Amino acid sequence: VQLQASGGGLVQAGESLRLSCTSPGRAVTNNGMGWFRQAPGKEREFVAAVDWKGGSLLTADSVKGRFTISRAYASNTMYLQMDSLKSEDTAVYYCAAPLFAVGSRNEGNYRYWGQGTLVTVSS
C-alpha cells in the first residue's frame, strides 16, 4: 500500500499551507488515517487523525485551533489545513494509515506510511 503526501514548502510565520495525502487504488478507503511530523533532532509526533468516513477527529494540543484535518471519501484524499504557522511547525510531515477504521494518536498503530513532505516556516 502506497501513501503519497504532498503540499509542503517554505512559508513565513503566520501563513498557511495545505497538505494532501492520497492512496492510489483506494487501498485505504476503509481505514482511518493520520498525520505525524518529525522536526530536526526530535522524535516523530502525532498531529491529527480521522476515521474512514472523515469523522472522529483527533488533534494534538500543540496544533489545535490552527490545523484542521479533513478527508474526502470520493477522492480518497486526506488533507491537513495548516493556518497561523509557527517556526516550531517546521518538520517533515508524514501521512499514515492503520489497519482499522479509526485514527489513533499512537504511532505504533499505523501500518502504512507515506514518504513525507517537508514544511519549513521561517520567522
C-alpha atoms as a PDB file:
ATOM      1  CA  VAL A   1       0.000   0.000   0.000  1.00  0.00           C
ATOM      2  CA  GLN A   2       1.409   3.370  -1.001  1.00  0.00           C
ATOM      3  CA  LEU A   3       0.517   6.719   0.513  1.00  0.00           C
ATOM      4  CA  GLN A   4       1.621   9.894  -1.204  1.00  0.00           C
ATOM      5  CA  ALA A   5       1.954  13.124   0.765  1.00  0.00           C
ATOM      6  CA  SER A   6       2.340  16.464  -0.964  1.00  0.00           C
ATOM      7  CA  GLY A   7       1.930  20.186  -0.418  1.00  0.00           C
ATOM      8  CA  GLY A   8       4.924  21.032   1.721  1.00  0.00           C
ATOM      9  CA  GLY A   9       7.064  24.082   1.124  1.00  0.00           C
ATOM     10  CA  LEU A  10       8.686  27.187   2.557  1.00  0.00           C
ATOM     11  CA  VAL A  11       6.425  29.817   4.101  1.00  0.00           C
ATOM     12  CA  GLN A  12       6.740  32.670   6.546  1.00  0.00           C
ATOM     13  CA  ALA A  13       5.343  32.596  10.049  1.00  0.00           C
ATOM     14  CA  GLY A  14       1.634  33.372  10.090  1.00  0.00           C
ATOM     15  CA  GLU A  15       0.995  31.992   6.619  1.00  0.00           C
ATOM     16  CA  SER A  16      -0.915  28.855   5.612  1.00  0.00           C
ATOM     17  CA  LEU A  17      -0.290  25.613   3.774  1.00  0.00           C
ATOM     18  CA  ARG A  18      -2.483  22.655   2.886  1.00  0.00           C
ATOM     19  CA  LEU A  19      -1.041  19.168   2.800  1.00  0.00           C
ATOM     20  CA  SER A  20      -2.643  16.329   0.867  1.00  0.00           C
ATOM     21  CA  CYS A  21      -2.315  12.580   1.142  1.00  0.00           C
ATOM     22  CA  THR A  22      -3.624  10.158  -1.452  1.00  0.00           C
ATOM     23  CA  SER A  23      -3.720   6.397  -1.714  1.00  0.00           C
ATOM     24  CA  PRO A  24      -3.542   5.166  -5.306  1.00  0.00           C
ATOM     25  CA  GLY A  25      -6.022   2.421  -5.966  1.00  0.00           C
ATOM     26  CA  ARG A  26      -8.113   3.411  -2.960  1.00  0.00           C
ATOM     27  CA  ALA A  27      -6.216   0.875  -0.852  1.00  0.00           C
ATOM     28  CA  VAL A  28      -7.052   2.550   2.471  1.00  0.00           C
ATOM     29  CA  THR A  29     -10.605   3.662   1.713  1.00  0.00           C
ATOM     30  CA  ASN A  30     -11.961   1.863   4.784  1.00  0.00           C
ATOM     31  CA  ASN A  31      -9.069   2.722   7.089  1.00  0.00           C
ATOM     32  CA  GLY A  32      -8.515   5.590   9.452  1.00  0.00           C
ATOM     33  CA  MET A  33      -5.714   7.991   8.521  1.00  0.00           C
ATOM     34  CA  GLY A  34      -3.440  10.359  10.341  1.00  0.00           C
ATOM     35  CA  TRP A  35      -0.701  12.958  10.122  1.00  0.00           C
ATOM     36  CA  PHE A  36       2.543  12.840  12.058  1.00  0.00           C
ATOM     37  CA  ARG A  37       5.566  15.117  11.939  1.00  0.00           C
ATOM     38  CA  GLN A  38       9.240  14.946  12.775  1.00  0.00           C
ATOM     39  CA  ALA A  39      11.234  18.075  13.460  1.00  0.00           C
ATOM     40  CA  PRO A  40      15.042  18.101  13.121  1.00  0.00           C
ATOM     41  CA  GLY A  41      16.624  16.311  16.062  1.00  0.00           C
ATOM     42  CA  LYS A  42      13.288  15.289  17.542  1.00  0.00           C
ATOM     43  CA  GLU A  43      11.130  12.198  17.616  1.00  0.00           C
ATOM     44  CA  ARG A  44       8.141  11.838  15.346  1.00  0.00           C
ATOM     45  CA  GLU A  45       4.946  13.109  16.951  1.00  0.00           C
ATOM     46  CA  PHE A  46       1.223  12.851  16.353  1.00  0.00           C
ATOM     47  CA  VAL A  47      -0.531  15.786  14.681  1.00  0.00           C
ATOM     48  CA  ALA A  48      -4.064  14.752  13.744  1.00  0.00           C
ATOM     49  CA  ALA A  49      -6.187  11.763  12.743  1.00  0.00           C
ATOM     50  CA  VAL A  50      -9.538  10.970  11.198  1.00  0.00           C
ATOM     51  CA  ASP A  51     -11.694   7.880  10.748  1.00  0.00           C
ATOM     52  CA  TRP A  52     -12.618   6.252   7.438  1.00  0.00           C
ATOM     53  CA  LYS A  53     -15.692   8.466   6.996  1.00  0.00           C
ATOM     54  CA  GLY A  54     -13.903  11.693   7.822  1.00  0.00           C
ATOM     55  CA  GLY A  55     -15.202  11.908  11.374  1.00  0.00           C
ATOM     56  CA  SER A  56     -13.953  11.198  14.902  1.00  0.00           C
ATOM     57  CA  LEU A  57     -11.265  13.848  14.571  1.00  0.00           C
ATOM     58  CA  LEU A  58      -8.234  13.790  16.843  1.00  0.00           C
ATOM     59  CA  THR A  59      -5.881  16.775  17.072  1.00  0.00           C
ATOM     60  CA  ALA A  60      -2.695  17.349  19.061  1.00  0.00           C
ATOM     61  CA  ASP A  61      -2.890  20.153  21.608  1.00  0.00           C
ATOM     62  CA  SER A  62       0.099  21.863  20.003  1.00  0.00           C
ATOM     63  CA  VAL A  63      -1.819  22.500  16.771  1.00  0.00           C
ATOM     64  CA  LYS A  64      -5.411  22.689  17.998  1.00  0.00           C
ATOM     65  CA  GLY A  65      -7.162  25.769  16.664  1.00  0.00           C
ATOM     66  CA  ARG A  66      -4.598  26.219  13.879  1.00  0.00           C
ATOM     67  CA  PHE A  67      -4.590  22.898  11.982  1.00  0.00           C
ATOM     68  CA  THR A  68      -7.648  21.177  10.555  1.00  0.00           C
ATOM     69  CA  ILE A  69      -7.731  17.617   9.292  1.00  0.00           C
ATOM     70  CA  SER A  70     -10.309  16.509   6.756  1.00  0.00           C
ATOM     71  CA  ARG A  71     -10.956  13.713   4.323  1.00  0.00           C
ATOM     72  CA  ALA A  72     -12.738  13.455   1.000  1.00  0.00           C
ATOM     73  CA  TYR A  73     -14.114   9.938   0.654  1.00  0.00           C
ATOM     74  CA  ALA A  74     -14.882  10.235  -3.054  1.00  0.00           C
ATOM     75  CA  SER A  75     -11.283  11.003  -3.931  1.00  0.00           C
ATOM     76  CA  ASN A  76      -9.781   9.083  -1.010  1.00  0.00           C
ATOM     77  CA  THR A  77      -7.690  12.111  -0.136  1.00  0.00           C
ATOM     78  CA  MET A  78      -6.818  13.349   3.334  1.00  0.00           C
ATOM     79  CA  TYR A  79      -5.928  16.980   3.953  1.00  0.00           C
ATOM     80  CA  LEU A  80      -4.213  18.973   6.650  1.00  0.00           C
ATOM     81  CA  GLN A  81      -5.021  22.666   6.515  1.00  0.00           C
ATOM     82  CA  MET A  82      -2.338  24.488   8.457  1.00  0.00           C
ATOM     83  CA  ASP A  83      -3.004  28.106   9.397  1.00  0.00           C
ATOM     84  CA  SER A  84      -1.082  30.589  11.518  1.00  0.00           C
ATOM     85  CA  LEU A  85       2.084  28.589  11.028  1.00  0.00           C
ATOM     86  CA  LYS A  86       4.904  28.999  13.507  1.00  0.00           C
ATOM     87  CA  SER A  87       8.616  28.292  13.224  1.00  0.00           C
ATOM     88  CA  GLU A  88       8.151  25.344  15.592  1.00  0.00           C
ATOM     89  CA  ASP A  89       5.879  23.718  12.996  1.00  0.00           C
ATOM     90  CA  THR A  90       8.920  23.166  10.790  1.00  0.00           C
ATOM     91  CA  ALA A  91       9.152  19.411  10.213  1.00  0.00           C
ATOM     92  CA  VAL A  92       8.741  16.596   7.770  1.00  0.00           C
ATOM     93  CA  TYR A  93       5.051  15.707   7.753  1.00  0.00           C
ATOM     94  CA  TYR A  94       4.015  12.098   7.203  1.00  0.00           C
ATOM     95  CA  CYS A  95       0.630  10.648   6.413  1.00  0.00           C
ATOM     96  CA  ALA A  96      -0.167   7.164   7.638  1.00  0.00           C
ATOM     97  CA  ALA A  97      -2.952   4.626   7.859  1.00  0.00           C
ATOM     98  CA  PRO A  98      -3.671   1.945  10.462  1.00  0.00           C
ATOM     99  CA  LEU A  99      -5.267  -1.402   9.713  1.00  0.00           C
ATOM    100  CA  PHE A 100      -8.548  -0.367  11.343  1.00  0.00           C
ATOM    101  CA  ALA A 101     -11.285   2.119  10.564  1.00  0.00           C
ATOM    102  CA  VAL A 102     -10.488   4.865  13.077  1.00  0.00           C
ATOM    103  CA  GLY A 103      -7.494   7.107  13.599  1.00  0.00           C
ATOM    104  CA  SER A 104      -5.182   6.936  16.590  1.00  0.00           C
ATOM    105  CA  ARG A 105      -2.686   9.114  18.472  1.00  0.00           C
ATOM    106  CA  ASN A 106      -0.387   6.123  18.814  1.00  0.00           C
ATOM    107  CA  GLU A 107       2.237   5.850  16.089  1.00  0.00           C
ATOM    108  CA  GLY A 108       2.563   2.134  16.737  1.00  0.00           C
ATOM    109  CA  ASN A 109      -0.988   1.585  15.496  1.00  0.00           C
ATOM    110  CA  TYR A 110      -0.149   2.705  11.972  1.00  0.00           C
ATOM    111  CA  ARG A 111       0.805   0.145   9.355  1.00  0.00           C
ATOM    112  CA  TYR A 112       1.215   2.176   6.172  1.00  0.00           C
ATOM    113  CA  TRP A 113       3.300   5.335   5.803  1.00  0.00           C
ATOM    114  CA  GLY A 114       3.891   7.916   3.100  1.00  0.00           C
ATOM    115  CA  GLN A 115       7.281   9.321   2.186  1.00  0.00           C
ATOM    116  CA  GLY A 116       6.867  12.641   3.992  1.00  0.00           C
ATOM    117  CA  THR A 117       6.703  16.225   2.800  1.00  0.00           C
ATOM    118  CA  LEU A 118       8.881  18.996   4.229  1.00  0.00           C
ATOM    119  CA  VAL A 119       7.308  22.087   5.747  1.00  0.00           C
ATOM    120  CA  THR A 120       9.650  24.945   6.599  1.00  0.00           C
ATOM    121  CA  VAL A 121       8.359  28.012   8.420  1.00  0.00           C
ATOM    122  CA  SER A 122      10.663  30.992   8.576  1.00  0.00           C
ATOM    123  CA  SER A 123      10.283  33.537  11.364  1.00  0.00           C
END
